[in-house]
Structures are given as C-alpha cells and as structure tokens.
Amino acid sequence: MLNHYPAWKNLLILLVMVLGILYSVPNLYPDDEALQVTHESRELGQTDLDRITTALEAARLATIGEELNGSGILLRFDGVEEQLRAKTAIEDALSDDFIVALNLAPTTPGWMQAIGAGKMNLGLDLQGGVHFLMEVDMEAAVLGRMEDNLSNVRSILRELRIRSRGLALVDSSHIEVRFASADDRSRARSELLDNFPELQFQNREANDLYILDLRMTQDTMLQIQRDTLQANRTTLLNRVDALGVAEPTVQQQGANRIVVELPGVQDPAQAIRILQRIATLEFHLEAAPGAPRSSYQTYDYVTPEGAFTVNVDNDVILQGDRISNVRPSLDQNGLPQVQISLDAQGGNQINRVTRDNVGRMMDILLIETRSRTNLVIDENGEEVEAVEFFEDRRLISHARINSALGRQFVITGLTQREAMDLSLLISSGSLAAPMTIVEQSVIGPTMGRENLEQGIRGVQIAAILVVAFMLLYYRIFGIAANVALIMNIVLIFAVLSSVLPATLTLPGIVGIVLTVGMAVDANVLIFTRIKEELRNGLPPQQAISAGYDRAFTTILDANLTTFLVAVVLFTIGTGPVKGFAVTLMIGIVTSMFTAIVGTRALVNLIYGRRRELRSLSIGIVPVKATPLKPTPGKGQAV
C-alpha cells in the first residue's frame, strides 16, 4: 500500500520523538547559584561541612541545598547576593588551603539525572566565566631536560671512575665535558652514546684539554616542545576539575600557548590560584653524611610521628615528566603503596642511580608555582594590587631504596592518605615546564545571560517566520513540516544535552538558526516535487510517493556536501568555529530525519489510508491531479 508505514516504523519514530522531548526538558530547569568548596591536597568530610555551616549561620545566611561528595562540598543559594556574601564568610572561616569557587548547580530532578538527562553545557559567552591565555616556557623545558642530562652524565662518569676536568652547561642545548686525555674522552663517549641517543656528540681540543660536546638536535628540541605543550594541557585539564567546572575548554593556541576557559566561574583569583599551583616533581637522593653544605638543601618533612629535617642532595635523579603512570595500591600485607611507571629514558636513569645506592633514602620534591597579591605603588603614585608569582619547594616523600629500581617501582612506608595524596600530586600535579598567564578576562553572568536570551530570541524569530510561511503557503503539508521543524529543534537540544554532550556557544546558536532554514529546504523540495507530479497527471497517492522518493537524492547530496564542510570547519577551526560546526552537523543529521522520515509519517497518517483522494492541500489553492489528454495518433498519455 502506498504512503503507509508499518506499525513498527511508526512506533520507532514515536519513540525517538518521546526520547527527544525527555532529554531536552532538563534545559527548562534553571541553575542554582552555588559555591564549590575543595581542598588543595585532601578530600573534605562532615567536619568541614559543619565548620562551613557554622560560619554561614554566624553570617545569617541559609543554603537551599548541601552536597558532600568525594572531592568537595557543593552549597546552593537562593540568589547571587547570598552566594557572594557566603563566599566571603566561608573564606574568612577557612584557611588558605581551601578553594571556594563561584559556580552554578543544576536543578534537574534526580530521576532525569539517573537516566542521563541533563542540561546543555553553555559556553563562556552564554553564561559568563573566566578566560586565560597561558604561555609555556619552552626554553625552560629544554633547559630542564639538559640539566637532567648533565646530572646523569656526572653520575655515569663517577660510577665508571672516569675523571674529568669539569662539566658545564654552556646553554640550554649544549653540555661541555672536559678531559685531560683523549683516552678518557674516548671511554666516556662510548659509554654515553648508549645512554643519550637524542644528543649529538662531537670531539674537539682547546687549551690542552680534550673536550666532548653534547648537543641537542633541533628535531629533539621540537619534539620536547610538542610533548611539553601536550603534557601541560593534560595537566591543566586535571587541575580545573578541582573547580567543579562543567565542560572547561583547554586547547592549544600556536606553538607555545594554551587557552583555558572556565564557564560559570566568576572569580579569576581562585582560578589563578588553582592553575598556578600546578607543580613539577624532582627525585633526589638524601645527602651523604659529611657532604659539603653547598651540595644540598634542607627541607622539613612532616610525618604522623612528628616533623624532622632532611638534607636533600642538589643533583636531580629524575624529573616528573619521565613518569608515564602512577596509582595507589596495597602490597601483599595490605599496606598502602604507590606504584610508579616511567618511560624508557627515565627507567634507565633511575636504575643506574639506585643500583649503586641501595639502602640510601630517596626524596621527592614538589615544586609549585604559586601566586600572591601585593600592594604596590604605580607610576602615578597610586596604591594598586599586583600579582607576584613565587616558587614553593616542598618535600613530599622520604623513602628508603631497598633494591635497584627499574621502569616500574613502588614507594612504601606511607599511610593510606599519604599514598592517595602522593598519587594525586604526581598524576595531576606534574608539569613539564613552567607557565605564566599572559592574558585574562572575565565575562560577567549578566552579559552571558543577555547573549543567551538574544540567541534564543533569534532562534524563536527564525522559527516563527518559517512556521508562518510554511503554514500559509503549503497548508496541511505545511503543518507537517512545522511539526517536523519543532521536533528538529527539540532533537538538536536533546543531542547537545545528553546524547552527545557538547558546549553550546553563541556561534553554535547561529548554527541552529541556519539549521532551521535548512530543515524546511528539504520539505520545500519534496512539496514542490509532489506538485509537479500532480501537474504531470499522477494520482495524489502516487504523487506523494514519487515526490518523496525522487527528491531524496537531491536532498541527500545537498546535506552531505554541507556536512562535509562542517567537518572541515570542526577539524581545522578553534573555539567559536568548532561550536558553529558542531551544531550544524547535528542539525543536518536531525533535519534529515525529521524532514524526510518525520513529515512522511505525518503525511501518511493524514492521507495514507484515503482511497478516494482527488486533491491535496499543498498550496494556497488545493492542487488536483490533471491527467493529460490523449494525443491523436499517439495513444493514451500515461
């Protein structure tokens, strides 16, 4: 039977529509103003919540919801004013180790969240937030690698008892090793070649000294820079999780910069604090008894039994960028430990050093770049705030080397909490090179709300105009197209919200507006084709079937080429361009479904079972079939 879908297909279309409505409805629930409270190095518990509650009661502030989860505490408030006052009260009551960040909390019902139905993630331009442009110190990354190499060259020569006349780091990519004889230089070169494959070796003589130059190649430096940028980007993603931000943007810009956007966060000082505390790690040996004072630094080390000082040797065994994986676990006796995996180069370095130092203590230093605000006098003689960055070095592990270590080893002698903290610091705190914030901006929630309202108003106006045109021009068929158009918008929101969680930006709304127009393009092609078939003499039922079938190829070609362009935009574009491309791709797929399958189902329900169908309401004037008259001598026209 023409123009008739089987029951299973109608039920499938209905199911898609119901799911689309269900997964788009959460966007109607407004967010609550909230505070996300976390700690720099530990999880929060009921005691912390009680302290915060007491501080709020003293300030005569009430919450409308409190949530204690694994990472921190979420407090909900009834308005921005209460949120800001509560932030001040909590910060006054807690120490500087706590992070109190402004945020927004969803109010979607629990049963919707249980099935994965949530709100769309709005971009920085739609809900406000902070934007940072951070620059990676690439010279420091290369210099750090060469300093690491210098320390290991010194250790190898000492182990092999090859005497040198001194080692020096000439620049960030050049190590110079001086020898008294050519034999010593030759022995050293043969041993060092296998341990430093990324360096170029060159012999030369000067001032009766035999010199071995170790230089880093340009390709190696470029690879270090690429690895550093990617490692820092990954670390930033791990760190911004502490702010409780939904869908943060952390992406590369150029060869040495990273863009960080935190939607919903309205306190740049707190964001800077968590970003700038990103740290590097260094592995050292404890200084030998009687070592010269200039060869070590003294650090305080705090344990459950008490605090004591440790003399840490200045030579770096290993840096944190050599760690490939870390996780806490339990040993065979059920005691906590931390399992560490290194890359190949790191494994060779740690094995060579620990092989000859069994029984000595190995120390791990956490080097954090922190920020503090100072009051300074500017050139106009006015007192202004200035952000100062400083380096904080802290001893976080002091453990005995029980055997020579390889690429995988464990750190024992820790409590469960220490093992978890150490694992967290190593996995998310290791930064391959220092970073500085070169640009920052804040988009207020009011501006973001205005952008969102204007964007939604644009979608509404576009939809109303298209609906009015289709209804007036195509009548009953226009009603089917309008229902499909509305469902198309619903499906786009459902996909953006839950099926394929993505961030909606202002350019993304532009993509939705464009999709609204493109969605009815397909129906216009189909309806025009049906009218042509009617004028060519086909009966209404056959005209409907032929119109959909023959217009499909044209619609597919047009949408496929647009989809491919959107893919290219998504691949090579950045932030705003990606947002536009995502909604355009989603809109093309959903409009193909609603414009072809959806309207066909509705037209089938209206006209499909009517046997005596003489005309179709598909224009301002109902169109009737007008069969051609027979042409004399040529037989009956078909």
Foldseek 3Di string as FASTA:
>chain_A
DFLDDDPVLVVVVVVLLVLLLLQLVLQVFFWFKKKWKFFQFAFDDPVLVVLLVVLCVVVVADFPDWDGDGGTIMTTHDDDVSNVVSQVSSPVRDDPRMFIWIFIHGPPDPVSVVVQRHAAAAFCQQQWFKKFKKFFPLLQLLQVVVLLVQLLLVLVCVVVVQDWPDWDDPGSFKIKTKHQDPVSVVVSCVVVCVLCVQWDWDWDDDPNITMIMTGGDPVRSLVSQVLQLVQLLVLLVLQCVSRVADDWDWADDPSTIIMTTGHRTFDVVSVQQSSQQQWKKFKFFFDDPPDDPVQWDKAWDADPVGIDITTTGPRTQDILVQWDAKDWDADPVRAIKMKTAGPQSSQVSQLSVLQVVAFTKMWMKIKTWGKDWDWDQDPVRDTDIDIDIDIDIHILDIAGRHHRGGRMDMGGPDHPSSNVSVNCCSVNRHRSGRMDTPDMDIDHSVSSNVLNVVLVVLLVVLLVVQLVVLCQFFPPLSVLLSVLLVSLVSNLRSCCRGVPPDYAYSLLSVLNSVLSVLLCVLVVQLLVQLLVVLAQQDQNSVSNSCSLVVSLVVSCVVLVVVLVVLVVQCVPHDDSSVSSSVSNNSSSVSSNCSSRVRSSSVVSVVPVPDPPDAWHSGGNDTGGRDHDQDDPPPDGDD
